[in-house]
Amino acid sequence: MKKIVIAAALATFVSGSFAAAETYAIDPAHTAPRFEYSHFGFSNQLHRFDKTSGKIVIDRAAKTGTVDVVIDAKSVNTGFPVFNEHIQGDDFFATAAHPTITFKSTAVKFEGDKPVTVDGNLTIKGVTRPVTLTVTTFQAMPHPMLKKDAIGANAVTKIKRSDFNMGKYAPYVSDDVTLSIGVEAIKE
């Protein structure tokens, strides 16, 4: 009887301590990085990027994870093709020399089994700065249509354009920019 109890306790300890990390591929059709800023105080402008890729690794039992996101800066979508070209120019994203924006996590903080913040390095226009994404929602469940495990989240942070050599027209066009990302990812 003692051997069974010890074996059961050991099995519980091992399965709880060594939970497997799960890898998810970002779903580009349901991932939408957005940025918002004040335009001369008249209105807040909200634009997005249409092409995003990357991976998310998460181990909710161990409360660890990594996030690696690549945004195609040339996919910026302002709603106006002429402005898309303008914002890709050297004063802003400089997409000819810097075609991607990246975020690579350095730490993920959990409350319970859900991530609440993701610290990492954001690189825009060749400049890397530390940022913290605040996770406002998180969901993990089987995808109802794909019949695969999936995760989704919304996260937000604030940056200054000038920190990334993109400060043209500040302060009239606000230096402060809110970055938000709605992301869905499918288990590999």
N, C-alpha and C. Protein backbone atom coordinates (compact mmCIF):
# COMPACT_ATOMS: atom_id res chain seq x y z
N MET A 1 0.81 -1.19 0.00
CA MET A 1 0.00 0.00 0.00
C MET A 1 0.87 1.26 0.00
N LYS A 2 1.96 1.24 0.79
CA LYS A 2 2.85 2.40 0.85
C LYS A 2 3.44 2.71 -0.53
N LYS A 3 3.81 1.65 -1.29
CA LYS A 3 4.40 1.85 -2.61
C LYS A 3 3.41 2.53 -3.55
N ILE A 4 2.14 2.19 -3.47
CA ILE A 4 1.12 2.80 -4.34
C ILE A 4 0.95 4.28 -4.00
N VAL A 5 0.89 4.61 -2.72
CA VAL A 5 0.73 6.00 -2.30
C VAL A 5 1.94 6.82 -2.72
N ILE A 6 3.13 6.29 -2.52
CA ILE A 6 4.36 7.00 -2.92
C ILE A 6 4.40 7.18 -4.44
N ALA A 7 4.04 6.13 -5.18
CA ALA A 7 4.03 6.21 -6.64
C ALA A 7 3.01 7.25 -7.12
N ALA A 8 1.84 7.28 -6.50
CA ALA A 8 0.82 8.26 -6.87
C ALA A 8 1.28 9.68 -6.56
N ALA A 9 1.90 9.86 -5.40
CA ALA A 9 2.40 11.18 -5.02
C ALA A 9 3.51 11.63 -5.98
N LEU A 10 4.40 10.72 -6.34
CA LEU A 10 5.47 11.04 -7.27
C LEU A 10 4.91 11.39 -8.65
N ALA A 11 3.94 10.63 -9.10
CA ALA A 11 3.31 10.91 -10.40
C ALA A 11 2.65 12.28 -10.41
N THR A 12 1.98 12.63 -9.32
CA THR A 12 1.35 13.95 -9.21
C THR A 12 2.40 15.05 -9.22
N PHE A 13 3.48 14.86 -8.48
CA PHE A 13 4.55 15.85 -8.42
C PHE A 13 5.18 16.03 -9.80
N VAL A 14 5.49 14.94 -10.46
CA VAL A 14 6.15 15.01 -11.77
C VAL A 14 5.24 15.66 -12.79
N SER A 15 3.97 15.26 -12.85
CA SER A 15 3.09 15.83 -13.86
C SER A 15 2.82 17.30 -13.59
N GLY A 16 2.77 17.72 -12.34
CA GLY A 16 2.54 19.12 -12.00
C GLY A 16 3.77 19.97 -12.21
N SER A 17 4.93 19.42 -11.99
CA SER A 17 6.16 20.21 -12.07
C SER A 17 6.72 20.32 -13.47
N PHE A 18 6.42 19.38 -14.30
CA PHE A 18 7.01 19.36 -15.63
C PHE A 18 5.95 19.43 -16.72
N ALA A 19 4.99 20.33 -16.54
CA ALA A 19 3.95 20.50 -17.56
C ALA A 19 4.62 20.94 -18.86
N ALA A 20 4.08 20.48 -19.94
CA ALA A 20 4.68 20.75 -21.24
C ALA A 20 4.30 22.13 -21.76
N ALA A 21 5.28 22.83 -22.28
CA ALA A 21 5.00 24.09 -22.96
C ALA A 21 4.32 23.79 -24.28
N GLU A 22 3.42 24.66 -24.68
CA GLU A 22 2.69 24.49 -25.93
C GLU A 22 3.06 25.64 -26.87
N THR A 23 3.26 25.29 -28.14
CA THR A 23 3.64 26.29 -29.13
C THR A 23 2.46 26.57 -30.04
N TYR A 24 2.20 27.86 -30.25
CA TYR A 24 1.09 28.32 -31.09
C TYR A 24 1.62 29.22 -32.19
N ALA A 25 1.11 29.03 -33.40
CA ALA A 25 1.47 29.89 -34.53
C ALA A 25 0.43 31.00 -34.64
N ILE A 26 0.91 32.23 -34.76
CA ILE A 26 -0.01 33.36 -34.89
C ILE A 26 -0.84 33.21 -36.15
N ASP A 27 -2.14 33.41 -36.01
CA ASP A 27 -3.08 33.34 -37.13
C ASP A 27 -3.13 34.73 -37.79
N PRO A 28 -2.54 34.88 -38.98
CA PRO A 28 -2.47 36.20 -39.59
C PRO A 28 -3.84 36.77 -39.98
N ALA A 29 -4.82 35.91 -40.18
CA ALA A 29 -6.15 36.38 -40.56
C ALA A 29 -6.91 36.98 -39.37
N HIS A 30 -6.48 36.65 -38.15
CA HIS A 30 -7.18 37.13 -36.96
C HIS A 30 -6.25 37.83 -35.97
N THR A 31 -5.20 38.43 -36.49
CA THR A 31 -4.26 39.18 -35.67
C THR A 31 -4.13 40.57 -36.28
N ALA A 32 -4.35 41.59 -35.44
CA ALA A 32 -4.41 42.94 -35.98
C ALA A 32 -3.68 43.94 -35.08
N PRO A 33 -2.39 44.15 -35.29
CA PRO A 33 -1.70 45.20 -34.56
C PRO A 33 -2.21 46.57 -35.02
N ARG A 34 -2.49 47.45 -34.05
CA ARG A 34 -3.02 48.77 -34.36
C ARG A 34 -2.23 49.85 -33.61
N PHE A 35 -2.24 51.07 -34.13
CA PHE A 35 -1.63 52.19 -33.42
C PHE A 35 -2.55 53.40 -33.53
N GLU A 36 -2.58 54.16 -32.42
CA GLU A 36 -3.48 55.31 -32.33
C GLU A 36 -2.72 56.52 -31.80
N TYR A 37 -3.00 57.69 -32.37
CA TYR A 37 -2.34 58.92 -31.97
C TYR A 37 -3.27 60.10 -32.23
N SER A 38 -2.99 61.22 -31.57
CA SER A 38 -3.76 62.43 -31.77
C SER A 38 -3.23 63.18 -33.00
N HIS A 39 -4.11 63.56 -33.89
CA HIS A 39 -3.75 64.28 -35.10
C HIS A 39 -4.10 65.76 -34.94
N PHE A 40 -3.11 66.57 -34.55
CA PHE A 40 -3.26 68.01 -34.34
C PHE A 40 -4.32 68.35 -33.29
N GLY A 41 -4.70 67.37 -32.47
CA GLY A 41 -5.74 67.60 -31.47
C GLY A 41 -7.14 67.56 -32.05
N PHE A 42 -7.26 67.40 -33.37
CA PHE A 42 -8.57 67.34 -34.00
C PHE A 42 -9.26 66.02 -33.71
N SER A 43 -8.49 64.94 -33.84
CA SER A 43 -9.08 63.61 -33.67
C SER A 43 -7.98 62.60 -33.37
N ASN A 44 -8.38 61.47 -32.87
CA ASN A 44 -7.45 60.35 -32.72
C ASN A 44 -7.53 59.52 -33.99
N GLN A 45 -6.38 59.26 -34.55
CA GLN A 45 -6.30 58.43 -35.75
C GLN A 45 -5.94 57.00 -35.35
N LEU A 46 -6.58 56.04 -35.97
CA LEU A 46 -6.35 54.62 -35.67
C LEU A 46 -6.02 53.91 -36.97
N HIS A 47 -4.82 53.31 -37.01
CA HIS A 47 -4.36 52.59 -38.20
C HIS A 47 -3.94 51.18 -37.80
N ARG A 48 -3.73 50.32 -38.78
CA ARG A 48 -3.39 48.94 -38.48
C ARG A 48 -2.35 48.41 -39.46
N PHE A 49 -1.85 47.23 -39.13
CA PHE A 49 -0.99 46.48 -40.03
C PHE A 49 -1.74 45.22 -40.44
N ASP A 50 -1.68 44.89 -41.71
CA ASP A 50 -2.46 43.77 -42.24
C ASP A 50 -1.72 42.45 -42.29
N LYS A 51 -0.40 42.44 -42.05
CA LYS A 51 0.36 41.19 -42.12
C LYS A 51 1.21 41.01 -40.87
N THR A 52 0.93 39.95 -40.14
CA THR A 52 1.65 39.65 -38.90
C THR A 52 1.92 38.16 -38.84
N SER A 53 3.08 37.78 -38.31
CA SER A 53 3.41 36.37 -38.12
C SER A 53 4.14 36.22 -36.79
N GLY A 54 4.36 34.98 -36.41
CA GLY A 54 5.12 34.75 -35.19
C GLY A 54 4.66 33.54 -34.43
N LYS A 55 5.23 33.38 -33.23
CA LYS A 55 4.94 32.22 -32.38
C LYS A 55 4.75 32.67 -30.94
N ILE A 56 3.92 31.93 -30.26
CA ILE A 56 3.71 32.12 -28.83
C ILE A 56 3.90 30.75 -28.18
N VAL A 57 4.75 30.70 -27.17
CA VAL A 57 4.95 29.47 -26.41
C VAL A 57 4.44 29.75 -25.00
N ILE A 58 3.61 28.86 -24.50
CA ILE A 58 3.02 29.10 -23.18
C ILE A 58 2.95 27.81 -22.39
N ASP A 59 3.28 27.92 -21.13
CA ASP A 59 3.13 26.82 -20.17
C ASP A 59 2.39 27.41 -18.98
N ARG A 60 1.06 27.26 -18.99
CA ARG A 60 0.25 27.89 -17.95
C ARG A 60 0.48 27.26 -16.59
N ALA A 61 0.80 25.98 -16.53
CA ALA A 61 1.05 25.34 -15.24
C ALA A 61 2.34 25.87 -14.62
N ALA A 62 3.38 26.02 -15.44
CA ALA A 62 4.66 26.53 -14.94
C ALA A 62 4.70 28.06 -14.90
N LYS A 63 3.66 28.68 -15.48
CA LYS A 63 3.57 30.14 -15.54
C LYS A 63 4.77 30.76 -16.26
N THR A 64 5.04 30.23 -17.46
CA THR A 64 6.12 30.75 -18.29
C THR A 64 5.61 30.87 -19.73
N GLY A 65 6.33 31.65 -20.50
CA GLY A 65 5.96 31.78 -21.90
C GLY A 65 6.93 32.68 -22.64
N THR A 66 6.81 32.65 -23.96
CA THR A 66 7.56 33.55 -24.82
C THR A 66 6.64 34.01 -25.95
N VAL A 67 6.91 35.21 -26.42
CA VAL A 67 6.14 35.79 -27.52
C VAL A 67 7.14 36.34 -28.52
N ASP A 68 6.97 35.98 -29.77
CA ASP A 68 7.85 36.43 -30.85
C ASP A 68 6.94 36.86 -32.01
N VAL A 69 6.86 38.17 -32.25
CA VAL A 69 5.94 38.70 -33.26
C VAL A 69 6.74 39.46 -34.32
N VAL A 70 6.37 39.26 -35.58
CA VAL A 70 6.96 40.00 -36.69
C VAL A 70 5.81 40.66 -37.46
N ILE A 71 5.88 41.98 -37.57
CA ILE A 71 4.87 42.75 -38.30
C ILE A 71 5.49 43.27 -39.58
N ASP A 72 4.81 43.06 -40.68
CA ASP A 72 5.25 43.60 -41.96
C ASP A 72 4.90 45.08 -41.99
N ALA A 73 5.90 45.95 -41.82
CA ALA A 73 5.65 47.40 -41.76
C ALA A 73 5.08 47.93 -43.08
N LYS A 74 5.36 47.25 -44.18
CA LYS A 74 4.83 47.67 -45.47
C LYS A 74 3.33 47.40 -45.59
N SER A 75 2.78 46.64 -44.64
CA SER A 75 1.34 46.33 -44.69
C SER A 75 0.53 47.35 -43.90
N VAL A 76 1.14 48.50 -43.53
CA VAL A 76 0.41 49.53 -42.80
C VAL A 76 -0.83 49.92 -43.61
N ASN A 77 -1.94 50.07 -42.91
CA ASN A 77 -3.22 50.36 -43.56
C ASN A 77 -3.88 51.53 -42.85
N THR A 78 -3.81 52.69 -43.47
CA THR A 78 -4.43 53.89 -42.91
C THR A 78 -5.82 54.12 -43.49
N GLY A 79 -6.16 53.35 -44.50
CA GLY A 79 -7.42 53.55 -45.20
C GLY A 79 -7.26 54.39 -46.46
N PHE A 80 -6.06 54.98 -46.64
CA PHE A 80 -5.79 55.83 -47.79
C PHE A 80 -4.45 55.45 -48.39
N PRO A 81 -4.42 54.89 -49.62
CA PRO A 81 -3.16 54.45 -50.22
C PRO A 81 -2.06 55.50 -50.25
N VAL A 82 -2.39 56.77 -50.52
CA VAL A 82 -1.37 57.83 -50.57
C VAL A 82 -0.76 58.01 -49.18
N PHE A 83 -1.58 57.98 -48.12
CA PHE A 83 -1.05 58.13 -46.77
C PHE A 83 -0.26 56.89 -46.35
N ASN A 84 -0.66 55.72 -46.82
CA ASN A 84 0.13 54.50 -46.55
C ASN A 84 1.56 54.70 -47.05
N GLU A 85 1.71 55.25 -48.26
CA GLU A 85 3.05 55.49 -48.82
C GLU A 85 3.80 56.54 -47.99
N HIS A 86 3.10 57.60 -47.60
CA HIS A 86 3.72 58.67 -46.81
C HIS A 86 4.25 58.13 -45.48
N ILE A 87 3.47 57.34 -44.81
CA ILE A 87 3.85 56.85 -43.48
C ILE A 87 4.94 55.77 -43.56
N GLN A 88 5.12 55.19 -44.76
CA GLN A 88 6.22 54.24 -44.96
C GLN A 88 7.54 54.95 -45.29
N GLY A 89 7.51 56.26 -45.47
CA GLY A 89 8.70 57.03 -45.84
C GLY A 89 9.69 57.15 -44.70
N ASP A 90 10.81 57.79 -45.00
CA ASP A 90 11.94 57.90 -44.06
C ASP A 90 11.59 58.64 -42.77
N ASP A 91 10.65 59.58 -42.82
CA ASP A 91 10.27 60.32 -41.61
C ASP A 91 9.54 59.45 -40.60
N PHE A 92 8.97 58.36 -41.06
CA PHE A 92 8.19 57.50 -40.17
C PHE A 92 8.76 56.08 -40.17
N PHE A 93 8.10 55.11 -40.79
CA PHE A 93 8.54 53.72 -40.67
C PHE A 93 9.77 53.36 -41.50
N ALA A 94 10.09 54.12 -42.52
CA ALA A 94 11.27 53.86 -43.37
C ALA A 94 11.31 52.40 -43.80
N THR A 95 10.22 51.96 -44.43
CA THR A 95 10.08 50.54 -44.75
C THR A 95 11.06 50.03 -45.80
N ALA A 96 11.62 50.90 -46.61
CA ALA A 96 12.61 50.44 -47.59
C ALA A 96 13.82 49.85 -46.87
N ALA A 97 14.24 50.50 -45.78
CA ALA A 97 15.40 50.02 -45.02
C ALA A 97 15.00 49.11 -43.85
N HIS A 98 13.78 49.27 -43.35
CA HIS A 98 13.31 48.53 -42.16
C HIS A 98 11.92 47.95 -42.42
N PRO A 99 11.85 46.88 -43.20
CA PRO A 99 10.55 46.35 -43.61
C PRO A 99 9.74 45.66 -42.51
N THR A 100 10.36 45.38 -41.36
CA THR A 100 9.61 44.69 -40.31
C THR A 100 9.72 45.43 -38.97
N ILE A 101 8.70 45.19 -38.16
CA ILE A 101 8.65 45.63 -36.76
C ILE A 101 8.62 44.33 -35.97
N THR A 102 9.42 44.23 -34.92
CA THR A 102 9.45 42.98 -34.15
C THR A 102 9.22 43.24 -32.66
N PHE A 103 8.66 42.24 -32.02
CA PHE A 103 8.55 42.22 -30.56
C PHE A 103 9.01 40.86 -30.10
N LYS A 104 9.99 40.84 -29.18
CA LYS A 104 10.49 39.60 -28.61
C LYS A 104 10.40 39.72 -27.09
N SER A 105 9.68 38.79 -26.49
CA SER A 105 9.46 38.88 -25.05
C SER A 105 10.72 38.53 -24.27
N THR A 106 10.80 39.10 -23.06
CA THR A 106 11.87 38.78 -22.13
C THR A 106 11.30 38.18 -20.85
N ALA A 107 10.01 38.41 -20.57
CA ALA A 107 9.37 37.86 -19.38
C ALA A 107 7.85 37.93 -19.55
N VAL A 108 7.18 36.93 -19.00
CA VAL A 108 5.72 36.90 -18.99
C VAL A 108 5.28 36.75 -17.54
N LYS A 109 4.39 37.64 -17.09
CA LYS A 109 3.87 37.56 -15.73
C LYS A 109 2.45 37.00 -15.78
N PHE A 110 2.18 36.06 -14.87
CA PHE A 110 0.88 35.40 -14.81
C PHE A 110 0.15 35.76 -13.52
N GLU A 111 -1.17 35.74 -13.59
CA GLU A 111 -2.03 35.69 -12.42
C GLU A 111 -2.89 34.46 -12.63
N GLY A 112 -2.74 33.48 -11.75
CA GLY A 112 -3.39 32.20 -12.00
C GLY A 112 -2.77 31.57 -13.22
N ASP A 113 -3.59 31.08 -14.13
CA ASP A 113 -3.05 30.46 -15.34
C ASP A 113 -3.14 31.38 -16.56
N LYS A 114 -3.34 32.69 -16.31
CA LYS A 114 -3.47 33.64 -17.42
C LYS A 114 -2.34 34.67 -17.39
N PRO A 115 -1.75 34.95 -18.55
CA PRO A 115 -0.74 36.00 -18.60
C PRO A 115 -1.40 37.37 -18.43
N VAL A 116 -0.74 38.27 -17.68
CA VAL A 116 -1.29 39.61 -17.47
C VAL A 116 -0.36 40.70 -18.01
N THR A 117 0.93 40.44 -18.09
CA THR A 117 1.86 41.36 -18.74
C THR A 117 2.92 40.57 -19.48
N VAL A 118 3.42 41.19 -20.53
CA VAL A 118 4.52 40.60 -21.30
C VAL A 118 5.57 41.70 -21.49
N ASP A 119 6.73 41.53 -20.87
CA ASP A 119 7.84 42.45 -21.07
C ASP A 119 8.62 41.97 -22.29
N GLY A 120 9.16 42.94 -23.02
CA GLY A 120 9.95 42.54 -24.18
C GLY A 120 10.60 43.70 -24.86
N ASN A 121 11.23 43.40 -25.98
CA ASN A 121 11.95 44.40 -26.77
C ASN A 121 11.20 44.63 -28.07
N LEU A 122 10.81 45.89 -28.28
CA LEU A 122 10.12 46.31 -29.50
C LEU A 122 11.13 46.99 -30.40
N THR A 123 11.21 46.54 -31.65
CA THR A 123 12.12 47.15 -32.62
C THR A 123 11.32 47.76 -33.75
N ILE A 124 11.46 49.07 -33.90
CA ILE A 124 10.83 49.81 -34.98
C ILE A 124 11.91 50.67 -35.61
N LYS A 125 12.00 50.64 -36.93
CA LYS A 125 12.94 51.48 -37.68
C LYS A 125 14.38 51.24 -37.22
N GLY A 126 14.67 50.00 -36.83
CA GLY A 126 16.02 49.64 -36.42
C GLY A 126 16.38 50.03 -34.99
N VAL A 127 15.44 50.61 -34.25
CA VAL A 127 15.67 51.02 -32.87
C VAL A 127 14.92 50.08 -31.95
N THR A 128 15.62 49.55 -30.94
CA THR A 128 15.02 48.61 -30.00
C THR A 128 14.87 49.27 -28.64
N ARG A 129 13.65 49.17 -28.09
CA ARG A 129 13.35 49.72 -26.77
C ARG A 129 12.55 48.69 -25.97
N PRO A 130 12.75 48.66 -24.65
CA PRO A 130 11.93 47.77 -23.82
C PRO A 130 10.52 48.33 -23.66
N VAL A 131 9.53 47.45 -23.72
CA VAL A 131 8.13 47.84 -23.48
C VAL A 131 7.46 46.74 -22.67
N THR A 132 6.37 47.10 -22.04
CA THR A 132 5.54 46.12 -21.34
C THR A 132 4.14 46.14 -21.95
N LEU A 133 3.72 45.01 -22.47
CA LEU A 133 2.36 44.85 -22.98
C LEU A 133 1.48 44.44 -21.81
N THR A 134 0.38 45.13 -21.61
CA THR A 134 -0.61 44.74 -20.62
C THR A 134 -1.67 43.90 -21.31
N VAL A 135 -1.85 42.68 -20.86
CA VAL A 135 -2.83 41.77 -21.46
C VAL A 135 -4.17 42.07 -20.83
N THR A 136 -5.11 42.57 -21.64
CA THR A 136 -6.43 42.94 -21.12
C THR A 136 -7.43 41.80 -21.17
N THR A 137 -7.24 40.87 -22.11
CA THR A 137 -8.07 39.66 -22.16
C THR A 137 -7.21 38.50 -22.63
N PHE A 138 -7.54 37.30 -22.18
CA PHE A 138 -6.83 36.09 -22.60
C PHE A 138 -7.83 34.94 -22.61
N GLN A 139 -7.76 34.12 -23.64
CA GLN A 139 -8.65 32.97 -23.75
C GLN A 139 -7.86 31.79 -24.32
N ALA A 140 -8.04 30.62 -23.73
CA ALA A 140 -7.45 29.39 -24.25
C ALA A 140 -8.56 28.36 -24.30
N MET A 141 -8.78 27.79 -25.49
CA MET A 141 -9.84 26.79 -25.65
C MET A 141 -9.72 26.16 -27.03
N PRO A 142 -10.43 25.08 -27.26
CA PRO A 142 -10.43 24.52 -28.61
C PRO A 142 -11.13 25.50 -29.57
N HIS A 143 -10.51 25.70 -30.73
CA HIS A 143 -11.11 26.57 -31.74
C HIS A 143 -12.37 25.88 -32.27
N PRO A 144 -13.53 26.54 -32.24
CA PRO A 144 -14.77 25.86 -32.62
C PRO A 144 -14.84 25.44 -34.08
N MET A 145 -14.11 26.11 -34.96
CA MET A 145 -14.17 25.75 -36.37
C MET A 145 -13.01 24.86 -36.79
N LEU A 146 -11.81 25.16 -36.28
CA LEU A 146 -10.62 24.42 -36.69
C LEU A 146 -10.43 23.11 -35.93
N LYS A 147 -11.13 22.99 -34.80
CA LYS A 147 -11.03 21.79 -33.95
C LYS A 147 -9.59 21.54 -33.49
N LYS A 148 -8.88 22.64 -33.21
CA LYS A 148 -7.52 22.59 -32.66
C LYS A 148 -7.49 23.52 -31.46
N ASP A 149 -6.56 23.28 -30.55
CA ASP A 149 -6.40 24.19 -29.42
C ASP A 149 -5.95 25.55 -29.94
N ALA A 150 -6.47 26.60 -29.33
CA ALA A 150 -6.15 27.96 -29.75
C ALA A 150 -6.08 28.87 -28.53
N ILE A 151 -5.37 29.97 -28.70
CA ILE A 151 -5.33 31.01 -27.68
C ILE A 151 -5.60 32.35 -28.36
N GLY A 152 -6.06 33.28 -27.57
CA GLY A 152 -6.29 34.62 -28.08
C GLY A 152 -6.09 35.62 -26.96
N ALA A 153 -5.69 36.82 -27.32
CA ALA A 153 -5.47 37.85 -26.31
C ALA A 153 -5.57 39.22 -26.96
N ASN A 154 -5.79 40.19 -26.10
CA ASN A 154 -5.68 41.60 -26.46
C ASN A 154 -4.65 42.20 -25.52
N ALA A 155 -3.76 43.01 -26.08
CA ALA A 155 -2.70 43.62 -25.27
C ALA A 155 -2.48 45.05 -25.73
N VAL A 156 -1.98 45.88 -24.81
CA VAL A 156 -1.80 47.29 -25.12
C VAL A 156 -0.55 47.82 -24.42
N THR A 157 0.08 48.83 -25.05
CA THR A 157 1.20 49.56 -24.45
C THR A 157 1.23 50.95 -25.05
N LYS A 158 1.99 51.84 -24.44
CA LYS A 158 2.18 53.19 -24.97
C LYS A 158 3.66 53.43 -25.21
N ILE A 159 3.95 54.10 -26.32
CA ILE A 159 5.33 54.44 -26.66
C ILE A 159 5.38 55.89 -27.10
N LYS A 160 6.59 56.40 -27.26
CA LYS A 160 6.81 57.72 -27.86
C LYS A 160 7.45 57.50 -29.23
N ARG A 161 6.87 58.13 -30.25
CA ARG A 161 7.41 58.00 -31.60
C ARG A 161 8.87 58.44 -31.64
N SER A 162 9.18 59.50 -30.93
CA SER A 162 10.54 60.05 -30.98
C SER A 162 11.58 59.07 -30.45
N ASP A 163 11.17 58.13 -29.58
CA ASP A 163 12.10 57.11 -29.09
C ASP A 163 12.56 56.17 -30.21
N PHE A 164 11.81 56.15 -31.31
CA PHE A 164 12.12 55.27 -32.44
C PHE A 164 12.50 56.08 -33.69
N ASN A 165 12.99 57.31 -33.49
CA ASN A 165 13.38 58.19 -34.60
C ASN A 165 12.24 58.42 -35.59
N MET A 166 11.03 58.60 -35.05
CA MET A 166 9.84 58.84 -35.87
C MET A 166 9.08 60.07 -35.38
N GLY A 167 9.76 61.06 -34.83
CA GLY A 167 9.10 62.17 -34.17
C GLY A 167 8.67 63.34 -35.05
N LYS A 168 8.70 63.16 -36.35
CA LYS A 168 8.33 64.25 -37.27
C LYS A 168 6.95 64.81 -36.90
N TYR A 169 6.82 66.12 -36.89
CA TYR A 169 5.60 66.88 -36.62
C TYR A 169 5.17 66.88 -35.15
N ALA A 170 5.94 66.27 -34.26
CA ALA A 170 5.60 66.34 -32.83
C ALA A 170 5.90 67.76 -32.36
N PRO A 171 5.15 68.34 -31.52
CA PRO A 171 4.04 67.77 -30.75
C PRO A 171 2.69 67.91 -31.42
N TYR A 172 2.63 68.50 -32.62
CA TYR A 172 1.33 68.73 -33.27
C TYR A 172 0.63 67.41 -33.58
N VAL A 173 1.37 66.51 -34.17
CA VAL A 173 0.92 65.11 -34.25
C VAL A 173 1.57 64.46 -33.04
N SER A 174 0.75 63.90 -32.15
CA SER A 174 1.27 63.51 -30.83
C SER A 174 2.45 62.56 -30.91
N ASP A 175 3.38 62.79 -30.00
CA ASP A 175 4.52 61.90 -29.84
C ASP A 175 4.07 60.60 -29.18
N ASP A 176 3.05 60.70 -28.32
CA ASP A 176 2.52 59.52 -27.62
C ASP A 176 1.64 58.69 -28.55
N VAL A 177 1.94 57.41 -28.62
CA VAL A 177 1.20 56.49 -29.47
C VAL A 177 0.77 55.29 -28.63
N THR A 178 -0.48 54.90 -28.78
CA THR A 178 -0.97 53.69 -28.13
C THR A 178 -0.89 52.55 -29.14
N LEU A 179 -0.17 51.50 -28.77
CA LEU A 179 -0.09 50.29 -29.60
C LEU A 179 -0.99 49.24 -28.98
N SER A 180 -1.79 48.60 -29.79
CA SER A 180 -2.62 47.51 -29.29
C SER A 180 -2.60 46.39 -30.31
N ILE A 181 -2.73 45.19 -29.78
CA ILE A 181 -2.73 44.03 -30.67
C ILE A 181 -3.78 43.03 -30.19
N GLY A 182 -4.63 42.67 -31.12
CA GLY A 182 -5.54 41.56 -30.92
C GLY A 182 -4.92 40.38 -31.64
N VAL A 183 -4.63 39.32 -30.92
CA VAL A 183 -3.91 38.18 -31.51
C VAL A 183 -4.67 36.89 -31.27
N GLU A 184 -4.69 36.05 -32.28
CA GLU A 184 -5.16 34.67 -32.14
C GLU A 184 -4.05 33.77 -32.66
N ALA A 185 -3.90 32.62 -32.03
CA ALA A 185 -2.83 31.69 -32.42
C ALA A 185 -3.34 30.26 -32.28
N ILE A 186 -2.90 29.40 -33.18
CA ILE A 186 -3.35 28.02 -33.26
C ILE A 186 -2.21 27.10 -32.87
N LYS A 187 -2.53 26.11 -32.04
CA LYS A 187 -1.50 25.16 -31.56
C LYS A 187 -0.91 24.40 -32.74
N GLU A 188 0.44 24.32 -32.71
CA GLU A 188 1.15 23.60 -33.78
C GLU A 188 1.11 22.11 -33.53
